[in-house]
């Protein structure tokens, strides 16, 4: 029963989605093999975390 209610609410949400959900941005990063660096969420790049091999 609970699953049915959740599915119904999700269906209403998807049919009436607010505009920010219609925009999905992908971030692409290219790093040479000489750099050790981990991508972080939030689109911020902290260069002090990057290190040379």
C-alpha atoms as a PDB file:
ATOM      1  CA  UNK A   1       0.000   0.000   0.000  1.00  0.00           C
ATOM      2  CA  UNK A   2       2.743   2.471   0.940  1.00  0.00           C
ATOM      3  CA  UNK A   3       4.620   1.766  -2.299  1.00  0.00           C
ATOM      4  CA  UNK A   4       1.500   2.579  -4.326  1.00  0.00           C
ATOM      5  CA  UNK A   5       1.142   5.957  -2.602  1.00  0.00           C
ATOM      6  CA  UNK A   6       4.810   6.760  -3.226  1.00  0.00           C
ATOM      7  CA  UNK A   7       4.497   5.773  -6.894  1.00  0.00           C
ATOM      8  CA  UNK A   8       1.413   7.985  -7.294  1.00  0.00           C
ATOM      9  CA  UNK A   9       3.161  10.975  -5.741  1.00  0.00           C
ATOM     10  CA  UNK A  10       6.229  10.472  -7.928  1.00  0.00           C
ATOM     11  CA  UNK A  11       4.037  10.283 -11.015  1.00  0.00           C
ATOM     12  CA  UNK A  12       2.408  13.623 -10.144  1.00  0.00           C
ATOM     13  CA  UNK A  13       5.839  15.128  -9.504  1.00  0.00           C
ATOM     14  CA  UNK A  14       7.243  13.934 -12.855  1.00  0.00           C
ATOM     15  CA  UNK A  15       4.201  15.146 -14.783  1.00  0.00           C
ATOM     16  CA  UNK A  16       4.405  18.598 -13.145  1.00  0.00           C
ATOM     17  CA  UNK A  17       8.160  18.946 -12.745  1.00  0.00           C
ATOM     18  CA  UNK A  18       9.446  22.423 -11.903  1.00  0.00           C
ATOM     19  CA  UNK A  19      11.733  23.999 -14.501  1.00  0.00           C
ATOM     20  CA  UNK A  20      15.071  23.529 -12.644  1.00  0.00           C
ATOM     21  CA  UNK A  21      14.700  19.767 -12.982  1.00  0.00           C
ATOM     22  CA  UNK A  22      14.491  20.091 -16.756  1.00  0.00           C
ATOM     23  CA  UNK A  23      18.067  21.357 -16.924  1.00  0.00           C
ATOM     24  CA  UNK A  24      20.750  18.737 -16.410  1.00  0.00           C
ATOM     25  CA  UNK A  25      24.323  19.895 -16.805  1.00  0.00           C
ATOM     26  CA  UNK A  26      27.165  17.450 -17.156  1.00  0.00           C
ATOM     27  CA  UNK A  27      30.695  18.409 -16.179  1.00  0.00           C
ATOM     28  CA  UNK A  28      33.626  17.009 -18.104  1.00  0.00           C
ATOM     29  CA  UNK A  29      37.200  17.170 -16.855  1.00  0.00           C
ATOM     30  CA  UNK A  30      40.333  16.126 -18.684  1.00  0.00           C
ATOM     31  CA  UNK A  31      43.508  15.664 -16.706  1.00  0.00           C
ATOM     32  CA  UNK A  32      46.882  14.535 -17.987  1.00  0.00           C
ATOM     33  CA  UNK A  33      48.443  11.436 -16.453  1.00  0.00           C
ATOM     34  CA  UNK A  34      51.088  13.470 -14.632  1.00  0.00           C
ATOM     35  CA  UNK A  35      48.514  15.081 -12.327  1.00  0.00           C
ATOM     36  CA  UNK A  36      46.873  13.353  -9.376  1.00  0.00           C
ATOM     37  CA  UNK A  37      43.531  15.016  -8.772  1.00  0.00           C
ATOM     38  CA  UNK A  38      40.027  13.971  -7.708  1.00  0.00           C
ATOM     39  CA  UNK A  39      36.873  15.646  -9.043  1.00  0.00           C
ATOM     40  CA  UNK A  40      34.678  17.181  -6.340  1.00  0.00           C
ATOM     41  CA  UNK A  41      30.983  17.921  -6.467  1.00  0.00           C
ATOM     42  CA  UNK A  42      29.844  21.532  -6.600  1.00  0.00           C
ATOM     43  CA  UNK A  43      31.828  22.538  -9.691  1.00  0.00           C
ATOM     44  CA  UNK A  44      34.644  24.058  -7.624  1.00  0.00           C
ATOM     45  CA  UNK A  45      38.227  23.249  -8.456  1.00  0.00           C
ATOM     46  CA  UNK A  46      40.806  23.507  -5.694  1.00  0.00           C
ATOM     47  CA  UNK A  47      44.207  23.523  -7.385  1.00  0.00           C
ATOM     48  CA  UNK A  48      46.046  23.119  -4.087  1.00  0.00           C
ATOM     49  CA  UNK A  49      44.649  19.561  -3.998  1.00  0.00           C
ATOM     50  CA  UNK A  50      46.285  18.664  -7.344  1.00  0.00           C
ATOM     51  CA  UNK A  51      49.722  17.104  -7.217  1.00  0.00           C
ATOM     52  CA  UNK A  52      52.320  16.158  -9.834  1.00  0.00           C
ATOM     53  CA  UNK A  53      53.496  12.557 -10.043  1.00  0.00           C
END
